[in-house]
Amino acid sequence: MEAVIAAAITGAFSVLGIVISNIKSNKKIGDQIEHQLDTAQAVTDCKIEELTREVREHNNFAKRVPVLEEQIRVANHRIADLENSK
């Protein structure tokens, strides 16, 4: 009977040790995953900011091209008028 009680107590402490070990291990893994997610989010935010800057730059260029085309057209007409007036 004493051997059974000793085995049960030993088993209970073994299980308790395993549970505590698993809890600490899971917390450590959870912290690592959280850090990786934070890092990935920071990289994503940086890439989005860069893409936003490039899109704004492209949009500004797209707005200016028609103005330049009109100025070139006017300049071509003026050159043609000057050539015809000779």
PDB file of N, CA and C in Angstrom:
ATOM      1  N   MET A   1       0.820  -1.190   0.000  1.00  0.00           N
ATOM      2  CA  MET A   1       0.000   0.000   0.000  1.00  0.00           C
ATOM      3  C   MET A   1       0.872   1.266   0.000  1.00  0.00           C
ATOM      4  N   GLU A   2       1.932   1.228   0.798  1.00  0.00           N
ATOM      5  CA  GLU A   2       2.823   2.394   0.861  1.00  0.00           C
ATOM      6  C   GLU A   2       3.517   2.625  -0.479  1.00  0.00           C
ATOM      7  N   ALA A   3       3.804   1.552  -1.200  1.00  0.00           N
ATOM      8  CA  ALA A   3       4.455   1.671  -2.506  1.00  0.00           C
ATOM      9  C   ALA A   3       3.520   2.325  -3.513  1.00  0.00           C
ATOM     10  N   VAL A   4       2.238   2.023  -3.416  1.00  0.00           N
ATOM     11  CA  VAL A   4       1.251   2.609  -4.331  1.00  0.00           C
ATOM     12  C   VAL A   4       1.117   4.103  -4.060  1.00  0.00           C
ATOM     13  N   ILE A   5       1.068   4.483  -2.793  1.00  0.00           N
ATOM     14  CA  ILE A   5       0.944   5.897  -2.427  1.00  0.00           C
ATOM     15  C   ILE A   5       2.204   6.648  -2.877  1.00  0.00           C
ATOM     16  N   ALA A   6       3.366   6.057  -2.655  1.00  0.00           N
ATOM     17  CA  ALA A   6       4.614   6.703  -3.072  1.00  0.00           C
ATOM     18  C   ALA A   6       4.658   6.852  -4.591  1.00  0.00           C
ATOM     19  N   ALA A   7       4.204   5.818  -5.306  1.00  0.00           N
ATOM     20  CA  ALA A   7       4.176   5.899  -6.777  1.00  0.00           C
ATOM     21  C   ALA A   7       3.187   6.954  -7.246  1.00  0.00           C
ATOM     22  N   ALA A   8       2.041   7.044  -6.586  1.00  0.00           N
ATOM     23  CA  ALA A   8       1.026   8.042  -6.969  1.00  0.00           C
ATOM     24  C   ALA A   8       1.546   9.455  -6.726  1.00  0.00           C
ATOM     25  N   ILE A   9       2.205   9.666  -5.580  1.00  0.00           N
ATOM     26  CA  ILE A   9       2.763  10.998  -5.277  1.00  0.00           C
ATOM     27  C   ILE A   9       3.856  11.338  -6.279  1.00  0.00           C
ATOM     28  N   THR A  10       4.719  10.379  -6.577  1.00  0.00           N
ATOM     29  CA  THR A  10       5.794  10.609  -7.549  1.00  0.00           C
ATOM     30  C   THR A  10       5.207  10.927  -8.918  1.00  0.00           C
ATOM     31  N   GLY A  11       4.179  10.187  -9.331  1.00  0.00           N
ATOM     32  CA  GLY A  11       3.524  10.435 -10.616  1.00  0.00           C
ATOM     33  C   GLY A  11       2.876  11.812 -10.670  1.00  0.00           C
ATOM     34  N   ALA A  12       2.234  12.192  -9.554  1.00  0.00           N
ATOM     35  CA  ALA A  12       1.568  13.498  -9.505  1.00  0.00           C
ATOM     36  C   ALA A  12       2.586  14.626  -9.651  1.00  0.00           C
ATOM     37  N   PHE A  13       3.733  14.511  -8.947  1.00  0.00           N
ATOM     38  CA  PHE A  13       4.764  15.544  -9.067  1.00  0.00           C
ATOM     39  C   PHE A  13       5.393  15.559 -10.463  1.00  0.00           C
ATOM     40  N   SER A  14       5.513  14.393 -11.063  1.00  0.00           N
ATOM     41  CA  SER A  14       6.045  14.336 -12.432  1.00  0.00           C
ATOM     42  C   SER A  14       5.115  15.043 -13.401  1.00  0.00           C
ATOM     43  N   VAL A  15       3.824  14.771 -13.275  1.00  0.00           N
ATOM     44  CA  VAL A  15       2.840  15.424 -14.142  1.00  0.00           C
ATOM     45  C   VAL A  15       2.844  16.930 -13.888  1.00  0.00           C
ATOM     46  N   LEU A  16       2.907  17.337 -12.628  1.00  0.00           N
ATOM     47  CA  LEU A  16       2.940  18.765 -12.298  1.00  0.00           C
ATOM     48  C   LEU A  16       4.170  19.432 -12.919  1.00  0.00           C
ATOM     49  N   GLY A  17       5.319  18.768 -12.835  1.00  0.00           N
ATOM     50  CA  GLY A  17       6.537  19.313 -13.445  1.00  0.00           C
ATOM     51  C   GLY A  17       6.401  19.451 -14.944  1.00  0.00           C
ATOM     52  N   ILE A  18       5.808  18.465 -15.603  1.00  0.00           N
ATOM     53  CA  ILE A  18       5.611  18.522 -17.049  1.00  0.00           C
ATOM     54  C   ILE A  18       4.657  19.650 -17.414  1.00  0.00           C
ATOM     55  N   VAL A  19       3.578  19.811 -16.660  1.00  0.00           N
ATOM     56  CA  VAL A  19       2.607  20.883 -16.937  1.00  0.00           C
ATOM     57  C   VAL A  19       3.276  22.248 -16.799  1.00  0.00           C
ATOM     58  N   ILE A  20       4.033  22.443 -15.730  1.00  0.00           N
ATOM     59  CA  ILE A  20       4.718  23.732 -15.529  1.00  0.00           C
ATOM     60  C   ILE A  20       5.720  23.980 -16.654  1.00  0.00           C
ATOM     61  N   SER A  21       6.456  22.961 -17.025  1.00  0.00           N
ATOM     62  CA  SER A  21       7.430  23.088 -18.110  1.00  0.00           C
ATOM     63  C   SER A  21       6.750  23.459 -19.428  1.00  0.00           C
ATOM     64  N   ASN A  22       5.640  22.820 -19.727  1.00  0.00           N
ATOM     65  CA  ASN A  22       4.905  23.122 -20.966  1.00  0.00           C
ATOM     66  C   ASN A  22       4.343  24.542 -20.961  1.00  0.00           C
ATOM     67  N   ILE A  23       3.850  24.989 -19.833  1.00  0.00           N
ATOM     68  CA  ILE A  23       3.296  26.350 -19.743  1.00  0.00           C
ATOM     69  C   ILE A  23       4.396  27.377 -20.021  1.00  0.00           C
ATOM     70  N   LYS A  24       5.558  27.182 -19.409  1.00  0.00           N
ATOM     71  CA  LYS A  24       6.665  28.122 -19.626  1.00  0.00           C
ATOM     72  C   LYS A  24       7.153  28.073 -21.070  1.00  0.00           C
ATOM     73  N   SER A  25       7.219  26.891 -21.632  1.00  0.00           N
ATOM     74  CA  SER A  25       7.668  26.741 -23.019  1.00  0.00           C
ATOM     75  C   SER A  25       6.695  27.412 -23.976  1.00  0.00           C
ATOM     76  N   ASN A  26       5.402  27.214 -23.748  1.00  0.00           N
ATOM     77  CA  ASN A  26       4.393  27.834 -24.616  1.00  0.00           C
ATOM     78  C   ASN A  26       4.424  29.350 -24.510  1.00  0.00           C
ATOM     79  N   LYS A  27       4.670  29.870 -23.319  1.00  0.00           N
ATOM     80  CA  LYS A  27       4.753  31.329 -23.159  1.00  0.00           C
ATOM     81  C   LYS A  27       5.950  31.872 -23.941  1.00  0.00           C
ATOM     82  N   LYS A  28       7.075  31.162 -23.860  1.00  0.00           N
ATOM     83  CA  LYS A  28       8.272  31.599 -24.569  1.00  0.00           C
ATOM     84  C   LYS A  28       8.035  31.563 -26.080  1.00  0.00           C
ATOM     85  N   ILE A  29       7.426  30.509 -26.574  1.00  0.00           N
ATOM     86  CA  ILE A  29       7.119  30.399 -28.008  1.00  0.00           C
ATOM     87  C   ILE A  29       6.131  31.483 -28.421  1.00  0.00           C
ATOM     88  N   GLY A  30       5.142  31.743 -27.571  1.00  0.00           N
ATOM     89  CA  GLY A  30       4.162  32.789 -27.859  1.00  0.00           C
ATOM     90  C   GLY A  30       4.816  34.155 -27.963  1.00  0.00           C
ATOM     91  N   ASP A  31       5.783  34.421 -27.075  1.00  0.00           N
ATOM     92  CA  ASP A  31       6.505  35.694 -27.126  1.00  0.00           C
ATOM     93  C   ASP A  31       7.319  35.814 -28.414  1.00  0.00           C
ATOM     94  N   GLN A  32       7.941  34.699 -28.833  1.00  0.00           N
ATOM     95  CA  GLN A  32       8.719  34.711 -30.071  1.00  0.00           C
ATOM     96  C   GLN A  32       7.819  34.952 -31.279  1.00  0.00           C
ATOM     97  N   ILE A  33       6.671  34.309 -31.300  1.00  0.00           N
ATOM     98  CA  ILE A  33       5.733  34.493 -32.414  1.00  0.00           C
ATOM     99  C   ILE A  33       5.231  35.931 -32.443  1.00  0.00           C
ATOM    100  N   GLU A  34       4.935  36.479 -31.266  1.00  0.00           N
ATOM    101  CA  GLU A  34       4.473  37.867 -31.201  1.00  0.00           C
ATOM    102  C   GLU A  34       5.546  38.823 -31.720  1.00  0.00           C
ATOM    103  N   HIS A  35       6.799  38.572 -31.371  1.00  0.00           N
ATOM    104  CA  HIS A  35       7.903  39.407 -31.858  1.00  0.00           C
ATOM    105  C   HIS A  35       8.024  39.300 -33.381  1.00  0.00           C
ATOM    106  N   GLN A  36       7.900  38.096 -33.914  1.00  0.00           N
ATOM    107  CA  GLN A  36       7.982  37.905 -35.366  1.00  0.00           C
ATOM    108  C   GLN A  36       6.838  38.631 -36.066  1.00  0.00           C
ATOM    109  N   LEU A  37       5.646  38.565 -35.485  1.00  0.00           N
ATOM    110  CA  LEU A  37       4.504  39.265 -36.079  1.00  0.00           C
ATOM    111  C   LEU A  37       4.702  40.775 -36.047  1.00  0.00           C
ATOM    112  N   ASP A  38       5.237  41.285 -34.931  1.00  0.00           N
ATOM    113  CA  ASP A  38       5.508  42.723 -34.835  1.00  0.00           C
ATOM    114  C   ASP A  38       6.518  43.153 -35.894  1.00  0.00           C
ATOM    115  N   THR A  39       7.559  42.341 -36.078  1.00  0.00           N
ATOM    116  CA  THR A  39       8.583  42.650 -37.078  1.00  0.00           C
ATOM    117  C   THR A  39       7.986  42.624 -38.483  1.00  0.00           C
ATOM    118  N   ALA A  40       7.190  41.601 -38.764  1.00  0.00           N
ATOM    119  CA  ALA A  40       6.564  41.498 -40.087  1.00  0.00           C
ATOM    120  C   ALA A  40       5.623  42.672 -40.331  1.00  0.00           C
ATOM    121  N   GLN A  41       4.893  43.103 -39.304  1.00  0.00           N
ATOM    122  CA  GLN A  41       3.978  44.239 -39.450  1.00  0.00           C
ATOM    123  C   GLN A  41       4.759  45.520 -39.723  1.00  0.00           C
ATOM    124  N   ALA A  42       5.897  45.691 -39.062  1.00  0.00           N
ATOM    125  CA  ALA A  42       6.717  46.881 -39.284  1.00  0.00           C
ATOM    126  C   ALA A  42       7.247  46.910 -40.718  1.00  0.00           C
ATOM    127  N   VAL A  43       7.678  45.766 -41.223  1.00  0.00           N
ATOM    128  CA  VAL A  43       8.173  45.689 -42.601  1.00  0.00           C
ATOM    129  C   VAL A  43       7.038  46.000 -43.574  1.00  0.00           C
ATOM    130  N   THR A  44       5.860  45.436 -43.321  1.00  0.00           N
ATOM    131  CA  THR A  44       4.701  45.687 -44.183  1.00  0.00           C
ATOM    132  C   THR A  44       4.334  47.166 -44.187  1.00  0.00           C
ATOM    133  N   ASP A  45       4.326  47.787 -42.999  1.00  0.00           N
ATOM    134  CA  ASP A  45       4.018  49.218 -42.913  1.00  0.00           C
ATOM    135  C   ASP A  45       5.021  50.043 -43.710  1.00  0.00           C
ATOM    136  N   CYS A  46       6.286  49.686 -43.623  1.00  0.00           N
ATOM    137  CA  CYS A  46       7.336  50.408 -44.358  1.00  0.00           C
ATOM    138  C   CYS A  46       7.125  50.268 -45.865  1.00  0.00           C
ATOM    139  N   LYS A  47       6.812  49.074 -46.311  1.00  0.00           N
ATOM    140  CA  LYS A  47       6.582  48.849 -47.741  1.00  0.00           C
ATOM    141  C   LYS A  47       5.348  49.617 -48.225  1.00  0.00           C
ATOM    142  N   ILE A  48       4.307  49.650 -47.432  1.00  0.00           N
ATOM    143  CA  ILE A  48       3.098  50.385 -47.810  1.00  0.00           C
ATOM    144  C   ILE A  48       3.399  51.874 -47.920  1.00  0.00           C
ATOM    145  N   GLU A  49       4.176  52.409 -46.979  1.00  0.00           N
ATOM    146  CA  GLU A  49       4.541  53.826 -47.043  1.00  0.00           C
ATOM    147  C   GLU A  49       5.339  54.128 -48.308  1.00  0.00           C
ATOM    148  N   GLU A  50       6.268  53.245 -48.656  1.00  0.00           N
ATOM    149  CA  GLU A  50       7.082  53.446 -49.860  1.00  0.00           C
ATOM    150  C   GLU A  50       6.208  53.377 -51.111  1.00  0.00           C
ATOM    151  N   LEU A  51       5.305  52.419 -51.167  1.00  0.00           N
ATOM    152  CA  LEU A  51       4.410  52.310 -52.322  1.00  0.00           C
ATOM    153  C   LEU A  51       3.497  53.530 -52.424  1.00  0.00           C
ATOM    154  N   THR A  52       3.026  54.008 -51.291  1.00  0.00           N
ATOM    155  CA  THR A  52       2.182  55.208 -51.292  1.00  0.00           C
ATOM    156  C   THR A  52       2.950  56.400 -51.851  1.00  0.00           C
ATOM    157  N   ARG A  53       4.212  56.540 -51.447  1.00  0.00           N
ATOM    158  CA  ARG A  53       5.042  57.637 -51.964  1.00  0.00           C
ATOM    159  C   ARG A  53       5.220  57.512 -53.473  1.00  0.00           C
ATOM    160  N   GLU A  54       5.477  56.291 -53.951  1.00  0.00           N
ATOM    161  CA  GLU A  54       5.666  56.084 -55.385  1.00  0.00           C
ATOM    162  C   GLU A  54       4.382  56.363 -56.167  1.00  0.00           C
ATOM    163  N   VAL A  55       3.250  55.966 -55.618  1.00  0.00           N
ATOM    164  CA  VAL A  55       1.969  56.224 -56.297  1.00  0.00           C
ATOM    165  C   VAL A  55       1.715  57.721 -56.380  1.00  0.00           C
ATOM    166  N   ARG A  56       1.983  58.440 -55.303  1.00  0.00           N
ATOM    167  CA  ARG A  56       1.788  59.895 -55.323  1.00  0.00           C
ATOM    168  C   ARG A  56       2.703  60.551 -56.352  1.00  0.00           C
ATOM    169  N   GLU A  57       3.935  60.071 -56.413  1.00  0.00           N
ATOM    170  CA  GLU A  57       4.880  60.610 -57.392  1.00  0.00           C
ATOM    171  C   GLU A  57       4.387  60.325 -58.814  1.00  0.00           C
ATOM    172  N   HIS A  58       3.899  59.126 -59.035  1.00  0.00           N
ATOM    173  CA  HIS A  58       3.378  58.759 -60.353  1.00  0.00           C
ATOM    174  C   HIS A  58       2.139  59.592 -60.701  1.00  0.00           C
ATOM    175  N   ASN A  59       1.250  59.776 -59.728  1.00  0.00           N
ATOM    176  CA  ASN A  59       0.050  60.571 -59.979  1.00  0.00           C
ATOM    177  C   ASN A  59       0.404  62.007 -60.333  1.00  0.00           C
ATOM    178  N   ASN A  60       1.400  62.567 -59.662  1.00  0.00           N
ATOM    179  CA  ASN A  60       1.845  63.925 -59.976  1.00  0.00           C
ATOM    180  C   ASN A  60       2.375  63.980 -61.405  1.00  0.00           C
ATOM    181  N   PHE A  61       3.147  62.970 -61.781  1.00  0.00           N
ATOM    182  CA  PHE A  61       3.674  62.902 -63.149  1.00  0.00           C
ATOM    183  C   PHE A  61       2.524  62.779 -64.152  1.00  0.00           C
ATOM    184  N   ALA A  62       1.543  61.938 -63.836  1.00  0.00           N
ATOM    185  CA  ALA A  62       0.411  61.732 -64.740  1.00  0.00           C
ATOM    186  C   ALA A  62      -0.396  63.024 -64.913  1.00  0.00           C
ATOM    187  N   LYS A  63      -0.440  63.873 -63.892  1.00  0.00           N
ATOM    188  CA  LYS A  63      -1.151  65.150 -64.008  1.00  0.00           C
ATOM    189  C   LYS A  63      -0.380  66.137 -64.873  1.00  0.00           C
ATOM    190  N   ARG A  64       0.949  66.046 -64.845  1.00  0.00           N
ATOM    191  CA  ARG A  64       1.767  67.022 -65.555  1.00  0.00           C
ATOM    192  C   ARG A  64       1.937  66.689 -67.031  1.00  0.00           C
ATOM    193  N   VAL A  65       1.815  65.431 -67.423  1.00  0.00           N
ATOM    194  CA  VAL A  65       2.034  65.040 -68.819  1.00  0.00           C
ATOM    195  C   VAL A  65       1.061  65.744 -69.765  1.00  0.00           C
ATOM    196  N   PRO A  66      -0.229  65.781 -69.499  1.00  0.00           N
ATOM    197  CA  PRO A  66      -1.121  66.495 -70.427  1.00  0.00           C
ATOM    198  C   PRO A  66      -0.779  67.983 -70.568  1.00  0.00           C
ATOM    199  N   VAL A  67      -0.329  68.588 -69.475  1.00  0.00           N
ATOM    200  CA  VAL A  67       0.065  70.003 -69.533  1.00  0.00           C
ATOM    201  C   VAL A  67       1.274  70.150 -70.455  1.00  0.00           C
ATOM    202  N   LEU A  68       2.233  69.257 -70.316  1.00  0.00           N
ATOM    203  CA  LEU A  68       3.415  69.309 -71.181  1.00  0.00           C
ATOM    204  C   LEU A  68       3.045  69.062 -72.638  1.00  0.00           C
ATOM    205  N   GLU A  69       2.127  68.122 -72.868  1.00  0.00           N
ATOM    206  CA  GLU A  69       1.701  67.854 -74.241  1.00  0.00           C
ATOM    207  C   GLU A  69       1.058  69.088 -74.864  1.00  0.00           C
ATOM    208  N   GLU A  70       0.258  69.788 -74.091  1.00  0.00           N
ATOM    209  CA  GLU A  70      -0.393  71.006 -74.595  1.00  0.00           C
ATOM    210  C   GLU A  70       0.657  72.081 -74.895  1.00  0.00           C
ATOM    211  N   GLN A  71       1.634  72.212 -74.015  1.00  0.00           N
ATOM    212  CA  GLN A  71       2.688  73.203 -74.237  1.00  0.00           C
ATOM    213  C   GLN A  71       3.499  72.857 -75.487  1.00  0.00           C
ATOM    214  N   ILE A  72       3.763  71.591 -75.709  1.00  0.00           N
ATOM    215  CA  ILE A  72       4.497  71.172 -76.911  1.00  0.00           C
ATOM    216  C   ILE A  72       3.662  71.459 -78.154  1.00  0.00           C
ATOM    217  N   ARG A  73       2.367  71.199 -78.076  1.00  0.00           N
ATOM    218  CA  ARG A  73       1.495  71.459 -79.221  1.00  0.00           C
ATOM    219  C   ARG A  73       1.493  72.949 -79.564  1.00  0.00           C
ATOM    220  N   VAL A  74       1.399  73.789 -78.546  1.00  0.00           N
ATOM    221  CA  VAL A  74       1.414  75.236 -78.772  1.00  0.00           C
ATOM    222  C   VAL A  74       2.756  75.652 -79.362  1.00  0.00           C
ATOM    223  N   ALA A  75       3.841  75.112 -78.823  1.00  0.00           N
ATOM    224  CA  ALA A  75       5.168  75.463 -79.341  1.00  0.00           C
ATOM    225  C   ALA A  75       5.310  75.029 -80.799  1.00  0.00           C
ATOM    226  N   ASN A  76       4.802  73.853 -81.137  1.00  0.00           N
ATOM    227  CA  ASN A  76       4.863  73.379 -82.523  1.00  0.00           C
ATOM    228  C   ASN A  76       4.067  74.286 -83.453  1.00  0.00           C
ATOM    229  N   HIS A  77       2.906  74.752 -83.017  1.00  0.00           N
ATOM    230  CA  HIS A  77       2.110  75.676 -83.837  1.00  0.00           C
ATOM    231  C   HIS A  77       2.851  76.994 -84.040  1.00  0.00           C
ATOM    232  N   ARG A  78       3.494  77.472 -82.978  1.00  0.00           N
ATOM    233  CA  ARG A  78       4.225  78.730 -83.100  1.00  0.00           C
ATOM    234  C   ARG A  78       5.411  78.570 -84.044  1.00  0.00           C
ATOM    235  N   ILE A  79       6.096  77.435 -83.965  1.00  0.00           N
ATOM    236  CA  ILE A  79       7.218  77.185 -84.880  1.00  0.00           C
ATOM    237  C   ILE A  79       6.721  77.092 -86.304  1.00  0.00           C
ATOM    238  N   ALA A  80       5.591  76.401 -86.486  1.00  0.00           N
ATOM    239  CA  ALA A  80       5.017  76.285 -87.841  1.00  0.00           C
ATOM    240  C   ALA A  80       4.619  77.643 -88.360  1.00  0.00           C
ATOM    241  N   ASP A  81       4.040  78.502 -87.518  1.00  0.00           N
ATOM    242  CA  ASP A  81       3.662  79.846 -87.934  1.00  0.00           C
ATOM    243  C   ASP A  81       4.892  80.663 -88.321  1.00  0.00           C
ATOM    244  N   LEU A  82       5.975  80.533 -87.549  1.00  0.00           N
ATOM    245  CA  LEU A  82       7.197  81.253 -87.861  1.00  0.00           C
ATOM    246  C   LEU A  82       7.802  80.787 -89.180  1.00  0.00           C
ATOM    247  N   GLU A  83       7.735  79.463 -89.430  1.00  0.00           N
ATOM    248  CA  GLU A  83       8.275  78.935 -90.680  1.00  0.00           C
ATOM    249  C   GLU A  83       7.438  79.386 -91.864  1.00  0.00           C
ATOM    250  N   ASN A  84       6.139  79.484 -91.694  1.00  0.00           N
ATOM    251  CA  ASN A  84       5.248  79.906 -92.780  1.00  0.00           C
ATOM    252  C   ASN A  84       5.344  81.395 -93.057  1.00  0.00           C
ATOM    253  N   SER A  85       5.740  82.182 -92.085  1.00  0.00           N
ATOM    254  CA  SER A  85       5.784  83.630 -92.270  1.00  0.00           C
ATOM    255  C   SER A  85       7.033  84.064 -93.029  1.00  0.00           C
ATOM    256  N   LYS A  86       7.985  83.187 -93.256  1.00  0.00           N
ATOM    257  CA  LYS A  86       9.203  83.557 -93.989  1.00  0.00           C
ATOM    258  C   LYS A  86       8.973  83.714 -95.411  1.00  0.00           C
TER     259      LYS A  86
END
